[in-house]
Amino acid sequence: MSEHDSPAHSTSDKSDDREHEVQGVTRLQSEGESDPYDEVVSRLLEQEHVDSPAIADAVSEQEPADAADALEALEEEDAADVLEHMEIQAAADALAEMDTSLATGVVEDLVDEGSAQYAAKLVQRMAPDDAADLLQALSRPHREKLLADLPSPQAAGLRRLIGYDPESAGGLMTTDYIALRDSMSVAQAIEVIRARPIPEGMQFLLVVTAAGEL
């Protein structure tokens, strides 16, 4: 085999490895395993080389808490790389479940490596209280960089939450809510609710008048 054949052979090997991982998941699913991707992720993490795309594919299928555990097992730089390869909502959910100090390191690494906009998109998709906790733990330069990349209304809301102590009532508040008009029919209200993602921990819906009063 010539030197020019080696890269193609290596790429083929990686593709075969990923195909085997997928086949393994399918087999585990047919055997009734509850979390087939957990075993796949464990095998990938044991490899000497960190295959970020393969890990990202598998971790994206895990529950957020399990995905967070997998990311925490990696070096910060590798965890940041895996996050960038993940489906963005899955990445945001996993980041929210990570230990705050570890999540902070990963986000700061993303910012330092020129991926501040991606990090901001992750923050944008987190629940407001989780996003505020993370931003509060960042260094001021990193925090301001992320806030600058967020839509102005969301950045303003998070700035208000960041101003509270995390354990105070204000720090536990959220700026994410669902408001229904008092003139809506039951069918219209249900349609609005179904069209919106339900924020984590939401227990009540707000009913307001045309003037915006409760």
N, C-alpha and C. Protein backbone atom coordinates (compact mmCIF):
# COMPACT_ATOMS: atom_id res chain seq x y z
N MET A 1 0.86 -1.21 0.00
CA MET A 1 0.00 0.00 0.00
C MET A 1 0.88 1.24 0.00
N SER A 2 0.52 2.23 -0.81
CA SER A 2 1.32 3.45 -0.89
C SER A 2 0.99 4.36 0.27
N GLU A 3 1.83 5.38 0.46
CA GLU A 3 1.61 6.35 1.52
C GLU A 3 0.30 7.07 1.32
N HIS A 4 -0.10 7.25 0.04
CA HIS A 4 -1.31 8.00 -0.25
C HIS A 4 -2.55 7.21 0.10
N ASP A 5 -2.41 5.89 0.29
CA ASP A 5 -3.57 5.06 0.63
C ASP A 5 -3.87 5.09 2.10
N SER A 6 -2.93 5.45 2.95
CA SER A 6 -3.09 5.36 4.40
C SER A 6 -4.21 6.20 4.95
N PRO A 7 -4.31 7.51 4.60
CA PRO A 7 -5.40 8.32 5.15
C PRO A 7 -6.76 7.75 4.83
N ALA A 8 -6.95 7.26 3.59
CA ALA A 8 -8.24 6.70 3.20
C ALA A 8 -8.54 5.47 4.03
N HIS A 9 -7.52 4.65 4.27
CA HIS A 9 -7.69 3.44 5.06
C HIS A 9 -8.08 3.81 6.49
N SER A 10 -7.45 4.86 7.04
CA SER A 10 -7.76 5.30 8.40
C SER A 10 -9.19 5.79 8.49
N THR A 11 -9.62 6.58 7.49
CA THR A 11 -10.99 7.08 7.47
C THR A 11 -11.98 5.93 7.40
N SER A 12 -11.66 4.92 6.58
CA SER A 12 -12.52 3.75 6.46
C SER A 12 -12.65 3.02 7.79
N ASP A 13 -11.51 2.90 8.49
CA ASP A 13 -11.52 2.23 9.79
C ASP A 13 -12.43 2.95 10.76
N LYS A 14 -12.36 4.30 10.80
CA LYS A 14 -13.20 5.07 11.71
C LYS A 14 -14.66 4.90 11.37
N SER A 15 -14.98 4.88 10.06
CA SER A 15 -16.36 4.70 9.65
C SER A 15 -16.87 3.34 10.07
N ASP A 16 -16.00 2.32 9.92
CA ASP A 16 -16.38 0.97 10.33
C ASP A 16 -16.62 0.91 11.83
N ASP A 17 -15.77 1.61 12.61
CA ASP A 17 -15.92 1.62 14.07
C ASP A 17 -17.26 2.23 14.45
N ARG A 18 -17.62 3.35 13.81
CA ARG A 18 -18.89 4.00 14.14
C ARG A 18 -20.06 3.11 13.75
N GLU A 19 -19.93 2.42 12.61
CA GLU A 19 -21.00 1.52 12.18
C GLU A 19 -21.19 0.41 13.20
N HIS A 20 -20.08 -0.09 13.73
CA HIS A 20 -20.16 -1.14 14.75
C HIS A 20 -20.82 -0.61 16.01
N GLU A 21 -20.53 0.66 16.38
CA GLU A 21 -21.16 1.24 17.56
C GLU A 21 -22.67 1.33 17.37
N VAL A 22 -23.10 1.76 16.19
CA VAL A 22 -24.54 1.86 15.90
C VAL A 22 -25.18 0.49 15.94
N GLN A 23 -24.50 -0.51 15.36
CA GLN A 23 -25.03 -1.86 15.39
C GLN A 23 -25.15 -2.36 16.82
N GLY A 24 -24.17 -1.96 17.66
CA GLY A 24 -24.20 -2.36 19.06
C GLY A 24 -25.39 -1.78 19.78
N VAL A 25 -25.70 -0.50 19.49
CA VAL A 25 -26.86 0.14 20.10
C VAL A 25 -28.14 -0.55 19.67
N THR A 26 -28.23 -0.87 18.36
CA THR A 26 -29.43 -1.54 17.86
C THR A 26 -29.61 -2.89 18.54
N ARG A 27 -28.52 -3.61 18.73
CA ARG A 27 -28.59 -4.91 19.38
C ARG A 27 -29.05 -4.77 20.81
N LEU A 28 -28.50 -3.79 21.54
CA LEU A 28 -28.88 -3.58 22.93
C LEU A 28 -30.35 -3.17 23.04
N GLN A 29 -30.80 -2.34 22.10
CA GLN A 29 -32.20 -1.93 22.12
C GLN A 29 -33.11 -3.12 21.92
N SER A 30 -32.74 -4.04 21.02
CA SER A 30 -33.57 -5.21 20.76
C SER A 30 -33.59 -6.15 21.95
N GLU A 31 -32.55 -6.06 22.80
CA GLU A 31 -32.50 -6.91 23.99
C GLU A 31 -33.20 -6.27 25.17
N GLY A 32 -33.75 -5.07 24.96
CA GLY A 32 -34.54 -4.44 26.01
C GLY A 32 -33.76 -3.64 27.02
N GLU A 33 -32.52 -3.26 26.71
CA GLU A 33 -31.75 -2.45 27.63
C GLU A 33 -32.36 -1.05 27.72
N SER A 34 -32.39 -0.45 28.92
CA SER A 34 -33.04 0.84 29.10
C SER A 34 -32.22 2.00 28.52
N ASP A 35 -30.90 1.94 28.69
CA ASP A 35 -30.04 3.03 28.21
C ASP A 35 -28.89 2.44 27.40
N PRO A 36 -29.16 2.02 26.17
CA PRO A 36 -28.12 1.35 25.38
C PRO A 36 -26.92 2.23 25.08
N TYR A 37 -27.11 3.56 25.03
CA TYR A 37 -26.00 4.44 24.69
C TYR A 37 -25.00 4.58 25.83
N ASP A 38 -25.41 4.25 27.06
CA ASP A 38 -24.48 4.34 28.18
C ASP A 38 -23.26 3.45 27.96
N GLU A 39 -23.50 2.23 27.50
CA GLU A 39 -22.40 1.30 27.26
C GLU A 39 -21.53 1.76 26.10
N VAL A 40 -22.16 2.30 25.07
CA VAL A 40 -21.42 2.81 23.92
C VAL A 40 -20.51 3.96 24.35
N VAL A 41 -21.06 4.89 25.14
CA VAL A 41 -20.27 6.03 25.62
C VAL A 41 -19.11 5.55 26.48
N SER A 42 -19.36 4.58 27.34
CA SER A 42 -18.29 4.05 28.20
C SER A 42 -17.14 3.49 27.37
N ARG A 43 -17.48 2.77 26.30
CA ARG A 43 -16.43 2.21 25.45
C ARG A 43 -15.65 3.31 24.74
N LEU A 44 -16.36 4.33 24.29
CA LEU A 44 -15.69 5.43 23.59
C LEU A 44 -14.77 6.20 24.52
N LEU A 45 -15.19 6.38 25.77
CA LEU A 45 -14.37 7.13 26.72
C LEU A 45 -13.12 6.35 27.13
N GLU A 46 -13.17 5.04 26.98
CA GLU A 46 -12.01 4.21 27.34
C GLU A 46 -10.94 4.21 26.26
N GLN A 47 -11.28 4.67 25.06
CA GLN A 47 -10.31 4.68 23.98
C GLN A 47 -9.22 5.72 24.25
N GLU A 48 -8.03 5.41 23.77
CA GLU A 48 -6.89 6.32 23.99
C GLU A 48 -7.09 7.64 23.25
N HIS A 49 -7.66 7.55 22.04
CA HIS A 49 -7.91 8.76 21.24
C HIS A 49 -9.34 9.22 21.48
N VAL A 50 -9.51 10.51 21.72
CA VAL A 50 -10.85 11.07 21.93
C VAL A 50 -11.49 11.35 20.58
N ASP A 51 -12.46 10.54 20.22
CA ASP A 51 -13.18 10.71 18.95
C ASP A 51 -14.40 11.59 19.23
N SER A 52 -14.21 12.89 19.15
CA SER A 52 -15.25 13.84 19.54
C SER A 52 -16.56 13.66 18.78
N PRO A 53 -16.54 13.50 17.44
CA PRO A 53 -17.82 13.32 16.73
C PRO A 53 -18.57 12.07 17.18
N ALA A 54 -17.84 10.97 17.37
CA ALA A 54 -18.50 9.72 17.78
C ALA A 54 -19.07 9.84 19.20
N ILE A 55 -18.30 10.44 20.10
CA ILE A 55 -18.78 10.64 21.46
C ILE A 55 -19.99 11.57 21.45
N ALA A 56 -19.92 12.63 20.65
CA ALA A 56 -21.03 13.58 20.58
C ALA A 56 -22.31 12.90 20.10
N ASP A 57 -22.19 12.05 19.08
CA ASP A 57 -23.36 11.34 18.56
C ASP A 57 -24.01 10.49 19.64
N ALA A 58 -23.17 9.77 20.39
CA ALA A 58 -23.70 8.87 21.42
C ALA A 58 -24.23 9.64 22.63
N VAL A 59 -23.48 10.65 23.07
CA VAL A 59 -23.88 11.42 24.24
C VAL A 59 -25.17 12.20 23.99
N SER A 60 -25.38 12.62 22.75
CA SER A 60 -26.60 13.36 22.40
C SER A 60 -27.85 12.52 22.60
N GLU A 61 -27.69 11.20 22.60
CA GLU A 61 -28.83 10.30 22.77
C GLU A 61 -29.08 9.95 24.24
N GLN A 62 -28.17 10.34 25.13
CA GLN A 62 -28.32 10.03 26.54
C GLN A 62 -29.24 11.02 27.24
N GLU A 63 -29.68 10.64 28.44
CA GLU A 63 -30.37 11.59 29.30
C GLU A 63 -29.38 12.69 29.67
N PRO A 64 -29.84 13.94 29.86
CA PRO A 64 -28.92 15.04 30.14
C PRO A 64 -27.97 14.78 31.31
N ALA A 65 -28.46 14.18 32.38
CA ALA A 65 -27.59 13.93 33.54
C ALA A 65 -26.49 12.94 33.19
N ASP A 66 -26.81 11.92 32.39
CA ASP A 66 -25.80 10.94 31.97
C ASP A 66 -24.82 11.57 31.00
N ALA A 67 -25.33 12.42 30.11
CA ALA A 67 -24.45 13.12 29.17
C ALA A 67 -23.49 14.02 29.93
N ALA A 68 -23.99 14.67 31.00
CA ALA A 68 -23.13 15.53 31.81
C ALA A 68 -22.02 14.72 32.47
N ASP A 69 -22.36 13.54 32.96
CA ASP A 69 -21.34 12.67 33.58
C ASP A 69 -20.25 12.32 32.57
N ALA A 70 -20.66 12.03 31.34
CA ALA A 70 -19.69 11.69 30.30
C ALA A 70 -18.77 12.86 30.00
N LEU A 71 -19.33 14.04 29.89
CA LEU A 71 -18.53 15.23 29.61
C LEU A 71 -17.57 15.55 30.75
N GLU A 72 -18.03 15.31 31.98
CA GLU A 72 -17.18 15.58 33.15
C GLU A 72 -16.00 14.62 33.23
N ALA A 73 -16.10 13.48 32.54
CA ALA A 73 -15.00 12.51 32.53
C ALA A 73 -13.89 12.90 31.57
N LEU A 74 -14.14 13.92 30.74
CA LEU A 74 -13.16 14.37 29.75
C LEU A 74 -12.38 15.58 30.25
N GLU A 75 -11.24 15.83 29.63
CA GLU A 75 -10.53 17.07 29.88
C GLU A 75 -11.39 18.22 29.36
N GLU A 76 -11.24 19.41 29.96
CA GLU A 76 -12.09 20.54 29.57
C GLU A 76 -12.06 20.81 28.08
N GLU A 77 -10.86 20.80 27.49
CA GLU A 77 -10.73 21.08 26.05
C GLU A 77 -11.46 20.04 25.22
N ASP A 78 -11.37 18.76 25.62
CA ASP A 78 -12.05 17.70 24.90
C ASP A 78 -13.57 17.80 25.09
N ALA A 79 -13.99 18.13 26.31
CA ALA A 79 -15.43 18.28 26.57
C ALA A 79 -16.01 19.41 25.73
N ALA A 80 -15.26 20.50 25.61
CA ALA A 80 -15.71 21.63 24.79
C ALA A 80 -15.84 21.21 23.33
N ASP A 81 -14.89 20.41 22.86
CA ASP A 81 -14.92 19.94 21.48
C ASP A 81 -16.12 19.04 21.24
N VAL A 82 -16.41 18.16 22.20
CA VAL A 82 -17.57 17.27 22.08
C VAL A 82 -18.86 18.09 22.05
N LEU A 83 -18.96 19.09 22.91
CA LEU A 83 -20.15 19.95 22.94
C LEU A 83 -20.42 20.59 21.58
N GLU A 84 -19.35 21.00 20.91
CA GLU A 84 -19.50 21.66 19.61
C GLU A 84 -19.99 20.70 18.54
N HIS A 85 -19.80 19.40 18.74
CA HIS A 85 -20.26 18.40 17.77
C HIS A 85 -21.65 17.88 18.11
N MET A 86 -22.17 18.20 19.29
CA MET A 86 -23.46 17.69 19.72
C MET A 86 -24.62 18.47 19.10
N GLU A 87 -25.79 17.84 19.07
CA GLU A 87 -27.02 18.56 18.73
C GLU A 87 -27.17 19.64 19.78
N ILE A 88 -27.50 20.87 19.37
CA ILE A 88 -27.33 22.02 20.25
C ILE A 88 -28.22 21.97 21.50
N GLN A 89 -29.47 21.51 21.38
CA GLN A 89 -30.32 21.45 22.56
C GLN A 89 -29.83 20.39 23.54
N ALA A 90 -29.36 19.26 23.00
CA ALA A 90 -28.80 18.22 23.85
C ALA A 90 -27.55 18.73 24.57
N ALA A 91 -26.75 19.53 23.87
CA ALA A 91 -25.54 20.10 24.47
C ALA A 91 -25.90 21.07 25.59
N ALA A 92 -26.92 21.90 25.36
CA ALA A 92 -27.34 22.86 26.38
C ALA A 92 -27.90 22.14 27.61
N ASP A 93 -28.68 21.10 27.38
CA ASP A 93 -29.26 20.34 28.50
C ASP A 93 -28.16 19.66 29.32
N ALA A 94 -27.16 19.11 28.64
CA ALA A 94 -26.06 18.45 29.35
C ALA A 94 -25.24 19.46 30.13
N LEU A 95 -24.99 20.61 29.52
CA LEU A 95 -24.22 21.66 30.18
C LEU A 95 -24.91 22.11 31.47
N ALA A 96 -26.24 22.21 31.43
CA ALA A 96 -27.00 22.64 32.60
C ALA A 96 -26.91 21.63 33.73
N GLU A 97 -26.65 20.36 33.40
CA GLU A 97 -26.56 19.31 34.42
C GLU A 97 -25.15 19.12 34.97
N MET A 98 -24.16 19.73 34.32
CA MET A 98 -22.78 19.55 34.77
C MET A 98 -22.51 20.28 36.07
N ASP A 99 -21.51 19.81 36.80
CA ASP A 99 -21.04 20.53 37.97
C ASP A 99 -20.67 21.94 37.52
N THR A 100 -21.10 22.94 38.31
CA THR A 100 -20.92 24.33 37.87
C THR A 100 -19.47 24.69 37.59
N SER A 101 -18.56 24.24 38.45
CA SER A 101 -17.16 24.59 38.25
C SER A 101 -16.61 23.97 36.97
N LEU A 102 -17.05 22.74 36.65
CA LEU A 102 -16.59 22.10 35.42
C LEU A 102 -17.24 22.73 34.19
N ALA A 103 -18.53 23.04 34.30
CA ALA A 103 -19.23 23.69 33.19
C ALA A 103 -18.61 25.05 32.89
N THR A 104 -18.23 25.75 33.96
CA THR A 104 -17.59 27.06 33.80
C THR A 104 -16.29 26.93 33.00
N GLY A 105 -15.49 25.95 33.35
CA GLY A 105 -14.22 25.74 32.64
C GLY A 105 -14.43 25.42 31.18
N VAL A 106 -15.44 24.60 30.89
CA VAL A 106 -15.72 24.22 29.50
C VAL A 106 -16.19 25.44 28.70
N VAL A 107 -17.09 26.24 29.28
CA VAL A 107 -17.61 27.42 28.57
C VAL A 107 -16.49 28.43 28.35
N GLU A 108 -15.65 28.65 29.35
CA GLU A 108 -14.55 29.59 29.18
C GLU A 108 -13.57 29.11 28.12
N ASP A 109 -13.41 27.79 28.02
CA ASP A 109 -12.54 27.24 26.98
C ASP A 109 -13.14 27.50 25.60
N LEU A 110 -14.47 27.35 25.48
CA LEU A 110 -15.13 27.64 24.21
C LEU A 110 -14.91 29.10 23.81
N VAL A 111 -15.08 30.00 24.77
CA VAL A 111 -14.90 31.43 24.50
C VAL A 111 -13.45 31.72 24.08
N ASP A 112 -12.50 31.15 24.83
CA ASP A 112 -11.08 31.41 24.55
C ASP A 112 -10.65 30.85 23.20
N GLU A 113 -11.34 29.79 22.75
CA GLU A 113 -10.97 29.17 21.48
C GLU A 113 -11.72 29.75 20.29
N GLY A 114 -12.43 30.86 20.51
CA GLY A 114 -13.11 31.53 19.42
C GLY A 114 -14.52 31.04 19.13
N SER A 115 -15.09 30.30 20.07
CA SER A 115 -16.46 29.78 19.87
C SER A 115 -17.44 30.43 20.83
N ALA A 116 -17.25 31.72 21.08
CA ALA A 116 -18.12 32.43 22.02
C ALA A 116 -19.57 32.45 21.53
N GLN A 117 -19.78 32.59 20.23
CA GLN A 117 -21.14 32.62 19.70
C GLN A 117 -21.85 31.29 19.93
N TYR A 118 -21.12 30.20 19.78
CA TYR A 118 -21.73 28.89 20.03
C TYR A 118 -22.04 28.75 21.52
N ALA A 119 -21.13 29.19 22.37
CA ALA A 119 -21.37 29.13 23.81
C ALA A 119 -22.59 29.96 24.18
N ALA A 120 -22.74 31.10 23.53
CA ALA A 120 -23.91 31.95 23.78
C ALA A 120 -25.19 31.25 23.35
N LYS A 121 -25.15 30.50 22.25
CA LYS A 121 -26.32 29.75 21.81
C LYS A 121 -26.70 28.68 22.83
N LEU A 122 -25.71 28.08 23.46
CA LEU A 122 -25.99 27.09 24.51
C LEU A 122 -26.69 27.76 25.68
N VAL A 123 -26.16 28.90 26.11
CA VAL A 123 -26.76 29.65 27.22
C VAL A 123 -28.18 30.06 26.86
N GLN A 124 -28.37 30.46 25.61
CA GLN A 124 -29.68 30.92 25.15
C GLN A 124 -30.73 29.81 25.26
N ARG A 125 -30.31 28.56 25.12
CA ARG A 125 -31.25 27.44 25.15
C ARG A 125 -31.41 26.82 26.54
N MET A 126 -30.69 27.32 27.51
CA MET A 126 -30.82 26.83 28.88
C MET A 126 -31.98 27.54 29.58
N ALA A 127 -32.51 26.90 30.61
CA ALA A 127 -33.52 27.57 31.44
C ALA A 127 -32.87 28.81 32.04
N PRO A 128 -33.61 29.91 32.18
CA PRO A 128 -33.01 31.16 32.66
C PRO A 128 -32.28 31.03 34.00
N ASP A 129 -32.83 30.27 34.95
CA ASP A 129 -32.15 30.15 36.24
C ASP A 129 -30.84 29.39 36.10
N ASP A 130 -30.81 28.35 35.24
CA ASP A 130 -29.57 27.62 35.00
C ASP A 130 -28.55 28.50 34.28
N ALA A 131 -29.02 29.26 33.30
CA ALA A 131 -28.13 30.15 32.56
C ALA A 131 -27.54 31.21 33.48
N ALA A 132 -28.38 31.75 34.38
CA ALA A 132 -27.90 32.78 35.31
C ALA A 132 -26.85 32.21 36.26
N ASP A 133 -27.08 31.00 36.75
CA ASP A 133 -26.10 30.37 37.66
C ASP A 133 -24.75 30.20 36.96
N LEU A 134 -24.80 29.75 35.70
CA LEU A 134 -23.56 29.55 34.95
C LEU A 134 -22.85 30.87 34.69
N LEU A 135 -23.59 31.87 34.23
CA LEU A 135 -23.00 33.17 33.94
C LEU A 135 -22.40 33.80 35.19
N GLN A 136 -23.07 33.61 36.32
CA GLN A 136 -22.59 34.19 37.57
C GLN A 136 -21.25 33.58 37.99
N ALA A 137 -21.03 32.32 37.60
CA ALA A 137 -19.80 31.64 37.98
C ALA A 137 -18.63 31.95 37.04
N LEU A 138 -18.92 32.51 35.87
CA LEU A 138 -17.86 32.84 34.92
C LEU A 138 -17.07 34.07 35.36
N SER A 139 -15.87 34.19 34.85
CA SER A 139 -15.10 35.42 35.08
C SER A 139 -15.83 36.55 34.37
N ARG A 140 -15.65 37.75 34.84
CA ARG A 140 -16.38 38.89 34.26
C ARG A 140 -16.15 39.05 32.76
N PRO A 141 -14.89 38.95 32.26
CA PRO A 141 -14.69 39.09 30.81
C PRO A 141 -15.45 38.04 29.99
N HIS A 142 -15.44 36.79 30.47
CA HIS A 142 -16.14 35.73 29.75
C HIS A 142 -17.65 35.97 29.81
N ARG A 143 -18.14 36.38 30.97
CA ARG A 143 -19.57 36.63 31.14
C ARG A 143 -20.04 37.74 30.20
N GLU A 144 -19.28 38.83 30.16
CA GLU A 144 -19.67 39.96 29.32
C GLU A 144 -19.62 39.60 27.83
N LYS A 145 -18.67 38.75 27.46
CA LYS A 145 -18.58 38.32 26.07
C LYS A 145 -19.82 37.53 25.68
N LEU A 146 -20.27 36.64 26.54
CA LEU A 146 -21.46 35.84 26.24
C LEU A 146 -22.71 36.70 26.21
N LEU A 147 -22.85 37.58 27.19
CA LEU A 147 -24.02 38.45 27.24
C LEU A 147 -24.11 39.33 25.99
N ALA A 148 -22.96 39.75 25.49
CA ALA A 148 -22.93 40.59 24.29
C ALA A 148 -23.42 39.83 23.06
N ASP A 149 -23.27 38.50 23.08
CA ASP A 149 -23.69 37.67 21.94
C ASP A 149 -25.12 37.16 22.07
N LEU A 150 -25.80 37.49 23.17
CA LEU A 150 -27.18 37.07 23.36
C LEU A 150 -28.14 38.13 22.83
N PRO A 151 -29.36 37.75 22.46
CA PRO A 151 -30.37 38.76 22.09
C PRO A 151 -30.56 39.73 23.24
N SER A 152 -30.73 41.01 22.94
CA SER A 152 -30.80 42.04 23.98
C SER A 152 -31.83 41.76 25.08
N PRO A 153 -33.06 41.35 24.73
CA PRO A 153 -34.05 41.10 25.80
C PRO A 153 -33.61 39.99 26.75
N GLN A 154 -33.04 38.91 26.20
CA GLN A 154 -32.60 37.81 27.06
C GLN A 154 -31.41 38.23 27.90
N ALA A 155 -30.48 38.96 27.31
CA ALA A 155 -29.32 39.43 28.07
C ALA A 155 -29.76 40.32 29.22
N ALA A 156 -30.74 41.19 28.98
CA ALA A 156 -31.23 42.08 30.04
C ALA A 156 -31.87 41.28 31.16
N GLY A 157 -32.66 40.27 30.79
CA GLY A 157 -33.30 39.44 31.81
C GLY A 157 -32.29 38.67 32.64
N LEU A 158 -31.26 38.16 31.98
CA LEU A 158 -30.23 37.41 32.71
C LEU A 158 -29.39 38.33 33.59
N ARG A 159 -29.15 39.54 33.14
CA ARG A 159 -28.41 40.50 33.98
C ARG A 159 -29.17 40.74 35.29
N ARG A 160 -30.50 40.81 35.19
CA ARG A 160 -31.30 41.01 36.41
C ARG A 160 -31.16 39.81 37.34
N LEU A 161 -31.22 38.61 36.78
CA LEU A 161 -31.11 37.40 37.61
C LEU A 161 -29.71 37.27 38.22
N ILE A 162 -28.70 37.64 37.44
CA ILE A 162 -27.32 37.54 37.94
C ILE A 162 -27.10 38.45 39.14
N GLY A 163 -27.87 39.53 39.22
CA GLY A 163 -27.72 40.47 40.33
C GLY A 163 -28.18 39.94 41.66
N TYR A 164 -28.92 38.81 41.66
CA TYR A 164 -29.40 38.22 42.91
C TYR A 164 -28.44 37.15 43.42
N ASP A 165 -28.45 36.95 44.73
CA ASP A 165 -27.72 35.82 45.31
C ASP A 165 -28.36 34.54 44.79
N PRO A 166 -27.55 33.53 44.36
CA PRO A 166 -28.11 32.31 43.78
C PRO A 166 -29.11 31.60 44.68
N GLU A 167 -28.94 31.72 46.01
CA GLU A 167 -29.81 31.00 46.93
C GLU A 167 -30.98 31.85 47.41
N SER A 168 -31.05 33.11 46.98
CA SER A 168 -32.16 33.96 47.39
C SER A 168 -33.37 33.67 46.51
N ALA A 169 -34.53 34.21 46.89
CA ALA A 169 -35.73 34.02 46.09
C ALA A 169 -35.53 34.58 44.69
N GLY A 170 -34.86 35.73 44.60
CA GLY A 170 -34.61 36.33 43.29
C GLY A 170 -33.71 35.46 42.45
N GLY A 171 -32.71 34.86 43.09
CA GLY A 171 -31.78 34.01 42.35
C GLY A 171 -32.42 32.73 41.83
N LEU A 172 -33.52 32.34 42.46
CA LEU A 172 -34.21 31.13 42.04
C LEU A 172 -35.33 31.43 41.05
N MET A 173 -35.55 32.70 40.77
CA MET A 173 -36.61 33.08 39.84
C MET A 173 -36.21 32.77 38.40
N THR A 174 -37.19 32.84 37.54
CA THR A 174 -36.96 32.65 36.11
C THR A 174 -37.70 33.73 35.34
N THR A 175 -37.16 34.10 34.19
CA THR A 175 -37.83 35.08 33.32
C THR A 175 -38.61 34.36 32.22
N ASP A 176 -38.64 33.04 32.27
CA ASP A 176 -39.32 32.25 31.26
C ASP A 176 -40.70 31.86 31.77
N TYR A 177 -41.75 32.20 31.06
CA TYR A 177 -43.10 31.89 31.50
C TYR A 177 -44.02 31.81 30.29
N ILE A 178 -45.23 31.31 30.52
CA ILE A 178 -46.26 31.26 29.48
C ILE A 178 -47.46 32.05 29.96
N ALA A 179 -47.87 33.03 29.18
CA ALA A 179 -49.03 33.85 29.53
C ALA A 179 -50.17 33.58 28.57
N LEU A 180 -51.38 33.44 29.10
CA LEU A 180 -52.57 33.21 28.31
C LEU A 180 -53.51 34.40 28.44
N ARG A 181 -54.19 34.77 27.37
CA ARG A 181 -55.16 35.86 27.42
C ARG A 181 -56.44 35.36 28.08
N ASP A 182 -57.06 36.21 28.89
CA ASP A 182 -58.28 35.81 29.59
C ASP A 182 -59.46 35.63 28.64
N SER A 183 -59.31 36.11 27.40
CA SER A 183 -60.38 35.98 26.41
C SER A 183 -60.29 34.69 25.59
N MET A 184 -59.22 33.92 25.81
CA MET A 184 -59.02 32.70 25.03
C MET A 184 -60.02 31.62 25.43
N SER A 185 -60.40 30.80 24.44
CA SER A 185 -61.17 29.60 24.74
C SER A 185 -60.22 28.54 25.26
N VAL A 186 -60.78 27.47 25.80
CA VAL A 186 -59.94 26.37 26.28
C VAL A 186 -59.12 25.80 25.13
N ALA A 187 -59.74 25.65 23.97
CA ALA A 187 -59.04 25.09 22.81
C ALA A 187 -57.89 25.99 22.38
N GLN A 188 -58.08 27.31 22.40
CA GLN A 188 -57.02 28.24 22.04
C GLN A 188 -55.87 28.19 23.04
N ALA A 189 -56.20 28.08 24.32
CA ALA A 189 -55.17 28.01 25.35
C ALA A 189 -54.34 26.75 25.19
N ILE A 190 -55.01 25.64 24.91
CA ILE A 190 -54.29 24.37 24.71
C ILE A 190 -53.36 24.47 23.51
N GLU A 191 -53.82 25.14 22.45
CA GLU A 191 -52.99 25.31 21.25
C GLU A 191 -51.73 26.12 21.56
N VAL A 192 -51.87 27.17 22.36
CA VAL A 192 -50.71 27.98 22.74
C VAL A 192 -49.73 27.16 23.56
N ILE A 193 -50.25 26.39 24.51
CA ILE A 193 -49.39 25.59 25.38
C ILE A 193 -48.64 24.53 24.57
N ARG A 194 -49.33 23.89 23.64
CA ARG A 194 -48.69 22.85 22.83
C ARG A 194 -47.62 23.42 21.91
N ALA A 195 -47.76 24.68 21.55
CA ALA A 195 -46.81 25.30 20.62
C ALA A 195 -45.55 25.81 21.31
N ARG A 196 -45.56 25.83 22.63
CA ARG A 196 -44.43 26.36 23.39
C ARG A 196 -43.73 25.26 24.18
N PRO A 197 -42.39 25.28 24.23
CA PRO A 197 -41.69 24.36 25.15
C PRO A 197 -42.00 24.78 26.58
N ILE A 198 -42.28 23.82 27.43
CA ILE A 198 -42.62 24.12 28.82
C ILE A 198 -41.33 24.30 29.61
N PRO A 199 -41.08 25.48 30.19
CA PRO A 199 -39.85 25.70 30.97
C PRO A 199 -39.74 24.71 32.13
N GLU A 200 -38.52 24.30 32.43
CA GLU A 200 -38.27 23.37 33.53
C GLU A 200 -38.77 23.95 34.85
N GLY A 201 -39.51 23.15 35.60
CA GLY A 201 -39.97 23.57 36.91
C GLY A 201 -41.23 24.41 36.90
N MET A 202 -41.81 24.66 35.72
CA MET A 202 -43.02 25.49 35.66
C MET A 202 -44.19 24.76 36.30
N GLN A 203 -44.89 25.44 37.21
CA GLN A 203 -46.04 24.86 37.89
C GLN A 203 -47.33 25.62 37.60
N PHE A 204 -47.20 26.87 37.15
CA PHE A 204 -48.37 27.71 36.92
C PHE A 204 -48.28 28.41 35.58
N LEU A 205 -49.44 28.72 35.00
CA LEU A 205 -49.54 29.55 33.81
C LEU A 205 -50.16 30.89 34.21
N LEU A 206 -49.73 31.95 33.56
CA LEU A 206 -50.26 33.27 33.85
C LEU A 206 -51.44 33.57 32.93
N VAL A 207 -52.49 34.14 33.49
CA VAL A 207 -53.64 34.57 32.70
C VAL A 207 -53.70 36.10 32.81
N VAL A 208 -53.65 36.78 31.66
CA VAL A 208 -53.58 38.23 31.67
C VAL A 208 -54.69 38.84 30.82
N THR A 209 -54.99 40.09 31.10
CA THR A 209 -55.97 40.84 30.31
C THR A 209 -55.30 41.40 29.07
N ALA A 210 -56.08 42.05 28.23
CA ALA A 210 -55.54 42.68 27.02
C ALA A 210 -54.53 43.76 27.37
N ALA A 211 -54.62 44.31 28.58
CA ALA A 211 -53.69 45.34 29.03
C ALA A 211 -52.45 44.75 29.67
N GLY A 212 -52.38 43.43 29.71
CA GLY A 212 -51.21 42.78 30.29
C GLY A 212 -51.26 42.64 31.80
N GLU A 213 -52.44 42.84 32.39
CA GLU A 213 -52.57 42.74 33.85
C GLU A 213 -52.98 41.32 34.22
N LEU A 214 -52.48 40.85 35.36
CA LEU A 214 -52.83 39.52 35.84
C LEU A 214 -54.26 39.46 36.29
